[in-house]
Protein backbone atom coordinates (compact mmCIF):
# COMPACT_ATOMS: atom_id res chain seq x y z
CA MET A 1 7.54 88.59 89.70
CA PRO A 2 3.93 88.59 90.67
CA ALA A 3 3.14 90.15 86.99
CA LEU A 4 5.08 87.24 85.54
CA ARG A 5 3.17 84.56 87.58
CA THR A 6 -0.10 86.13 86.47
CA ILE A 7 0.90 86.09 83.02
CA ARG A 8 1.92 82.55 83.20
CA PHE A 9 -1.40 81.61 84.89
CA THR A 10 -3.37 83.25 82.17
CA ILE A 11 -1.73 81.32 79.46
CA ARG A 12 -2.29 78.09 81.30
CA MET A 13 -5.93 79.04 81.75
CA PHE A 14 -6.23 79.82 78.04
CA ALA A 15 -4.52 76.57 77.18
CA VAL A 16 -7.11 74.60 79.40
CA LEU A 17 -10.18 76.57 77.86
CA GLY A 18 -8.84 75.85 74.36
CA ILE A 19 -8.69 72.05 75.19
CA LEU A 20 -12.20 72.24 76.56
CA CYS A 21 -13.89 74.28 73.90
CA PHE A 22 -11.92 72.83 70.91
CA PRO A 23 -11.15 69.31 71.49
CA ALA A 24 -8.11 68.08 69.31
CA PRO A 25 -9.10 66.04 66.42
CA LEU A 26 -8.24 62.39 66.38
CA THR A 27 -4.94 61.49 64.71
CA ALA A 28 -5.11 59.12 61.73
CA ASP A 29 -6.53 55.74 62.55
CA GLN A 30 -7.58 56.40 66.08
CA LEU A 31 -10.97 56.17 65.34
CA PRO A 32 -10.97 52.08 64.92
CA GLN A 33 -9.83 52.22 68.99
CA GLU A 34 -12.65 54.48 69.62
CA ALA A 35 -14.98 52.34 67.93
CA LEU A 36 -14.07 49.35 69.84
CA SER A 37 -14.85 51.09 72.94
CA THR A 38 -18.10 52.22 71.64
CA PHE A 39 -19.48 49.42 69.59
CA PRO A 40 -21.60 46.96 71.79
CA ALA A 41 -19.99 43.52 72.40
CA ASP A 42 -22.33 41.58 70.16
CA THR A 43 -21.15 43.54 67.13
CA LEU A 44 -20.19 40.72 64.54
CA GLN A 45 -18.57 42.85 61.61
CA VAL A 46 -16.81 46.22 61.23
CA ALA A 47 -15.71 48.20 58.44
CA PHE A 48 -13.07 51.13 58.25
CA THR A 49 -12.72 53.78 55.62
CA ASN A 50 -10.16 56.55 55.60
CA LEU A 51 -12.02 59.15 53.53
CA ALA A 52 -9.33 61.77 53.96
CA GLU A 53 -7.00 59.42 52.10
CA LEU A 54 -9.38 58.19 49.44
CA ARG A 55 -10.42 61.74 48.43
CA SER A 56 -6.85 62.48 47.19
CA LEU A 57 -7.25 59.56 44.63
CA PRO A 58 -8.38 60.38 40.89
CA THR A 59 -10.82 57.48 41.22
CA TYR A 60 -12.57 58.79 44.34
CA PRO A 61 -15.86 59.72 42.29
CA GLN A 62 -16.05 55.97 41.63
CA ILE A 63 -15.05 54.93 45.19
CA ARG A 64 -17.62 57.40 46.61
CA GLN A 65 -20.52 55.90 44.57
CA ARG A 66 -19.65 52.24 46.17
CA ILE A 67 -18.99 53.51 50.01
CA LEU A 68 -22.08 55.62 50.01
CA ASN A 69 -25.57 54.09 49.89
CA GLN A 70 -28.79 55.90 48.87
CA GLN A 71 -29.66 56.39 52.58
CA LEU A 72 -26.12 57.94 53.38
CA ARG A 73 -26.18 60.26 50.41
CA ALA A 74 -29.61 61.48 51.65
CA PHE A 75 -28.24 61.70 55.16
CA GLN A 76 -25.37 63.96 53.75
CA ASP A 77 -27.58 66.33 51.89
CA PHE A 78 -29.75 66.36 55.30
CA LEU A 79 -26.45 67.49 57.19
CA ARG A 80 -25.52 70.27 54.86
CA PRO A 81 -28.07 72.97 56.02
CA MET A 82 -26.49 72.39 59.55
CA GLY A 83 -23.14 73.52 58.48
CA ILE A 84 -21.87 69.91 58.19
CA ASP A 85 -20.38 68.97 54.76
CA PRO A 86 -19.31 65.14 55.12
CA ASP A 87 -17.34 65.44 51.89
CA ARG A 88 -15.05 68.08 53.39
CA ASP A 89 -15.54 67.57 57.24
CA VAL A 90 -15.49 63.84 57.84
CA ASP A 91 -12.10 62.11 57.61
CA GLU A 92 -12.72 58.63 58.93
CA VAL A 93 -15.89 56.28 59.23
CA MET A 94 -16.10 53.00 61.09
CA VAL A 95 -19.21 51.16 60.60
CA GLY A 96 -20.56 47.66 62.41
CA TRP A 97 -23.37 45.34 61.94
CA ARG A 98 -24.75 43.21 64.98
CA GLY A 99 -26.45 40.99 62.41
CA GLU A 100 -24.53 38.19 60.27
CA ILE A 101 -25.25 39.84 56.86
CA ALA A 102 -23.69 43.44 56.02
CA GLY A 103 -25.87 45.82 53.96
CA PRO A 104 -27.12 49.02 53.23
CA ALA A 105 -29.23 49.09 56.43
CA GLY A 106 -28.89 47.81 60.05
CA TYR A 107 -25.68 49.59 60.72
CA LEU A 108 -23.97 51.52 63.43
CA GLY A 109 -21.14 53.75 63.25
CA LEU A 110 -18.68 56.64 64.35
CA ALA A 111 -17.53 59.08 62.04
CA ALA A 112 -14.50 61.48 62.78
CA GLY A 113 -13.97 64.93 61.75
CA ARG A 114 -14.93 68.56 62.54
CA PHE A 115 -18.38 69.11 63.67
CA GLN A 116 -20.13 71.73 65.42
CA PRO A 117 -22.94 70.34 67.81
CA ASP A 118 -24.09 73.80 68.86
CA LEU A 119 -25.27 74.62 65.03
CA VAL A 120 -27.07 71.40 64.79
CA GLN A 121 -28.81 71.65 67.97
CA LYS A 122 -29.83 75.54 67.07
CA TYR A 123 -30.93 73.94 63.59
CA PHE A 124 -33.14 71.30 65.25
CA ASP A 125 -34.54 73.84 67.66
CA SER A 126 -35.64 76.27 64.97
CA THR A 127 -37.12 73.74 62.50
CA ASN A 128 -38.70 71.50 65.24
CA LEU A 129 -37.06 68.29 63.73
CA PRO A 130 -37.59 65.33 66.07
CA THR A 131 -35.05 64.61 68.75
CA ARG A 132 -34.64 62.10 71.70
CA GLU A 133 -32.81 62.23 74.91
CA TYR A 134 -31.04 59.38 76.29
CA ALA A 135 -28.18 59.10 79.00
CA GLY A 136 -28.03 62.78 79.19
CA THR A 137 -27.31 62.95 75.39
CA ASN A 138 -29.51 64.54 72.60
CA LEU A 139 -30.21 62.22 69.97
CA TYR A 140 -31.13 63.70 66.53
CA ALA A 141 -33.41 61.82 63.93
CA PHE A 142 -32.98 61.67 60.15
CA GLY A 143 -36.60 61.04 59.42
CA SER A 144 -39.86 61.07 61.53
CA GLY A 145 -38.23 59.55 64.51
CA ASN A 146 -40.85 56.91 64.79
CA ASP A 147 -39.87 54.40 62.07
CA PRO A 148 -37.71 51.40 63.29
CA GLY A 149 -35.41 51.83 60.47
CA ASP A 150 -34.83 55.79 61.12
CA LEU A 151 -31.31 56.87 61.54
CA PHE A 152 -30.47 58.84 64.59
CA PHE A 153 -27.08 60.67 65.38
CA THR A 154 -25.41 62.49 67.96
CA PHE A 155 -21.92 63.99 68.88
CA LEU A 156 -19.58 62.53 71.52
CA ASN A 157 -17.73 65.64 71.11
CA GLY A 158 -16.65 68.14 68.49
CA SER A 159 -14.65 65.44 66.73
CA ILE A 160 -16.57 62.42 67.01
CA ALA A 161 -20.12 61.77 65.76
CA ALA A 162 -22.08 58.48 66.24
CA PHE A 163 -25.13 56.95 64.10
CA GLY A 164 -27.38 54.45 63.90
CA ARG A 165 -31.06 52.91 64.60
CA LEU A 166 -32.05 54.03 67.91
CA PRO A 167 -31.55 50.94 69.74
CA ASP A 168 -28.31 50.56 68.19
CA LEU A 169 -27.26 54.18 69.07
CA LYS A 170 -28.52 53.62 72.49
CA ALA A 171 -26.53 50.25 72.90
CA MET A 172 -23.48 52.24 71.81
CA LEU A 173 -23.77 55.11 74.44
CA ASP A 174 -24.33 52.16 77.16
CA ALA A 175 -21.06 50.55 76.02
CA ARG A 176 -19.05 53.72 75.95
CA GLN A 177 -20.19 54.66 79.47
CA GLY A 178 -19.65 51.24 80.60
CA SER A 179 -22.91 50.34 81.65
CA ALA A 180 -22.69 47.48 79.00
CA ASN A 181 -19.94 45.52 77.44
CA ALA A 182 -17.97 46.90 74.56
CA LEU A 183 -16.46 45.32 71.63
CA ASN A 184 -12.92 45.73 73.09
CA ALA A 185 -13.93 43.11 75.61
CA ASN A 186 -13.56 40.55 72.76
CA ALA A 187 -9.64 40.10 72.66
CA ASP A 188 -10.01 38.69 69.12
CA PHE A 189 -11.45 41.64 67.55
CA VAL A 190 -8.74 43.88 69.40
CA ASN A 191 -6.13 41.66 67.89
CA TRP A 192 -7.36 41.75 64.63
CA GLU A 193 -7.91 45.54 64.70
CA GLY A 194 -4.54 45.92 65.81
CA GLU A 195 -3.17 43.95 62.73
CA LEU A 196 -5.13 45.70 60.12
CA GLU A 197 -5.07 49.24 61.70
CA GLY A 198 -2.97 51.64 59.44
CA THR A 199 -2.39 49.18 56.72
CA ALA A 200 -4.83 50.38 54.15
CA PRO A 201 -7.43 53.09 53.53
CA GLN A 202 -10.22 50.36 53.88
CA TRP A 203 -10.32 47.11 55.94
CA GLY A 204 -12.68 45.33 57.82
CA ILE A 205 -13.44 41.97 59.98
CA LEU A 206 -16.31 39.53 59.86
CA ASN A 207 -16.69 36.77 62.23
CA GLY A 208 -17.25 33.21 61.26
CA LYS A 209 -20.98 32.99 60.58
CA SER A 210 -20.93 36.13 58.54
CA VAL A 211 -18.22 34.58 56.35
CA SER A 212 -20.20 31.66 55.83
CA ASN A 213 -23.08 34.19 54.59
CA LEU A 214 -20.73 35.98 52.61
CA ALA A 215 -19.45 32.90 50.75
CA GLY A 216 -23.17 32.12 50.04
CA LEU A 217 -23.42 35.27 48.02
CA TRP A 218 -20.17 34.32 46.10
CA LEU A 219 -22.06 31.06 45.32
CA ALA A 220 -25.36 32.46 45.03
CA GLY A 221 -27.11 30.75 42.09
CA GLY A 222 -24.43 28.48 41.03
CA ASN A 223 -23.33 25.01 42.57
CA LYS A 224 -25.54 23.76 45.01
CA ASN A 225 -23.61 21.00 46.09
CA VAL A 226 -21.08 22.86 48.13
CA ASP A 227 -21.68 22.58 51.88
CA LEU A 228 -20.82 25.86 53.51
CA SER A 229 -22.05 24.88 57.34
CA SER A 230 -18.67 23.95 57.85
CA LEU A 231 -17.43 27.63 57.44
CA SER A 232 -18.93 28.91 60.38
CA ARG A 233 -17.75 26.18 62.56
CA SER A 234 -14.00 26.19 61.17
CA VAL A 235 -13.43 29.74 60.08
CA ARG A 236 -12.93 32.37 63.10
CA ALA A 237 -12.87 35.40 60.87
CA LEU A 238 -12.35 36.97 57.60
CA LEU A 239 -9.94 40.02 57.59
CA TYR A 240 -9.79 41.98 54.54
CA ARG A 241 -7.85 45.26 53.35
CA VAL A 242 -8.42 47.33 50.33
CA HIS A 243 -6.11 49.60 48.52
CA TRP A 244 -7.00 51.79 45.56
CA ASP A 245 -5.36 53.19 42.36
CA ALA A 246 -6.72 53.01 38.82
CA GLY A 247 -8.65 50.18 40.56
CA PHE A 248 -8.60 48.09 43.83
CA SER A 249 -6.12 45.33 44.98
CA SER A 250 -7.49 43.40 48.09
CA GLN A 251 -6.06 40.79 50.55
CA LEU A 252 -8.47 38.83 52.19
CA ILE A 253 -7.37 36.64 54.87
CA LEU A 254 -9.23 33.50 56.24
CA VAL A 255 -8.44 32.75 59.83
CA CYS A 256 -9.39 29.08 60.46
CA ASP A 257 -9.13 27.06 63.63
CA SER A 258 -6.38 24.79 62.43
CA PRO A 259 -4.01 24.19 59.52
CA ASP A 260 -6.24 21.46 58.34
CA SER A 261 -9.09 23.75 58.04
CA ALA A 262 -7.03 26.33 55.96
CA ALA A 263 -6.05 23.47 53.70
CA GLY A 264 -9.46 22.16 53.01
CA PHE A 265 -10.89 25.46 51.96
CA ALA A 266 -7.63 26.07 49.75
CA ALA A 267 -8.70 22.83 47.95
CA LEU A 268 -12.42 23.68 47.79
CA LEU A 269 -11.49 27.12 46.34
CA ASN A 270 -9.07 25.24 43.72
CA LEU A 271 -11.96 22.87 42.89
CA LEU A 272 -14.42 25.67 42.50
CA GLN A 273 -12.11 27.86 40.16
CA LYS A 274 -12.60 27.03 36.23
CA PRO A 275 -9.46 25.31 35.16
CA PRO A 276 -7.90 27.36 32.31
CA GLN A 277 -8.78 26.59 28.62
CA GLN A 278 -11.52 24.07 29.70
CA PRO A 279 -15.23 24.45 29.23
CA ALA A 280 -17.11 24.52 32.37
CA VAL A 281 -18.69 21.43 33.73
CA ALA A 282 -22.28 20.71 34.02
CA GLY A 283 -23.63 23.17 36.55
CA GLY A 284 -20.47 25.33 36.12
CA THR A 285 -18.21 27.03 38.63
CA SER A 286 -20.10 29.57 40.57
CA LEU A 287 -17.19 31.75 41.92
CA PRO A 288 -17.73 35.46 40.68
CA SER A 289 -15.17 35.91 37.86
CA ILE A 290 -12.87 38.22 39.73
CA LEU A 291 -12.14 35.25 42.13
CA GLN A 292 -11.14 32.89 39.15
CA ASN A 293 -7.57 34.13 38.97
CA ILE A 294 -7.02 35.12 42.57
CA ASP A 295 -3.35 34.34 44.13
CA ALA A 296 -3.78 31.98 47.46
CA HIS A 297 -1.43 30.82 49.72
CA ARG A 298 -1.59 29.12 53.37
CA ASP A 299 0.34 30.48 56.26
CA GLY A 300 -0.62 27.86 59.16
CA ALA A 301 -4.19 28.24 59.91
CA ARG A 302 -4.52 31.23 57.57
CA LEU A 303 -5.58 31.13 53.94
CA GLU A 304 -4.50 34.39 52.29
CA LEU A 305 -6.21 35.63 48.90
CA ASP A 306 -4.90 38.27 46.69
CA VAL A 307 -7.35 39.75 44.30
CA SER A 308 -7.17 43.14 42.23
CA GLY A 309 -9.47 44.67 39.48
CA PRO A 310 -11.48 47.61 38.39
CA PRO A 311 -13.42 49.56 40.93
CA GLU A 312 -16.87 48.17 40.23
CA ALA A 313 -15.45 44.61 40.58
CA LEU A 314 -15.17 44.72 44.44
CA GLU A 315 -18.89 44.38 44.30
CA GLN A 316 -18.47 40.59 43.30
CA ILE A 317 -16.53 40.04 46.75
CA LEU A 318 -17.53 42.39 49.31
CA PRO A 319 -21.15 43.79 49.15
CA ALA A 320 -21.32 47.47 49.16
CA GLY A 321 -22.39 47.58 52.79
CA GLY A 322 -19.41 45.78 53.81
CA GLY A 323 -17.01 47.92 52.26
CA GLY A 324 -17.37 50.74 54.82
């Protein structure tokens, strides 16, 4: 019996050591919840991408060109000598913006996958690449480490990496450690994330002011008589989800402050769409062509828009930075 107890104790010790040394990977779509508890409370937009699901699609090479801007492609190449191949080791990514316009810079984010922090530390030690220390965490620089636009990254554990400009990465660590409010203090964002989670390989949330800026991109260079200021006052958020096959299909959900606001925006959208078999009026409609034949319907204070097209057409409604 003493021997049996010793064997059981030894098994339990190995199990504990296994958990400590090899943390269990996140299950699908757990990363968004991690992000809400890590992103600072002033985050205005978020975009989630399930890379593991997208990699299985025949159109992934086209999708990859869209979701990886030049800086992120260079960042991937930078990581490979350290034993991290993002095309193989990263399964999910969630990025956020603290500004009102999503784009290829100024983002912060989390990545879930399989990482080896010790190898990265050894690589930086051997190459004398720049590092910083903050809140007991090593921050690794992609670049000189002195440029305000330089990207930094760190590992929260063997399954989660965090990245962003230095002030943003520090803000994430502060929020995660509880010394500053995180985005999960915003009940609306928590509810919207719960609504979108698990529904598509790509989805995102934009707040009201950000929606106004996005609509401005839709109308850029076209009709100058449309007043978009009411968008930031009457729209609480834009939720979107994107599915992929040979092309994409997307659902955009405009969350308004009242049914009347949703009806007003539905009327505006109808006005801006080019009537079929009629020439454009002077000044023309300024909506992107992909939005000319969208299927729109109201559900109370929500206006839901369904749109689909080839992969490259997604650029017309969601900027590359906002697609994850």
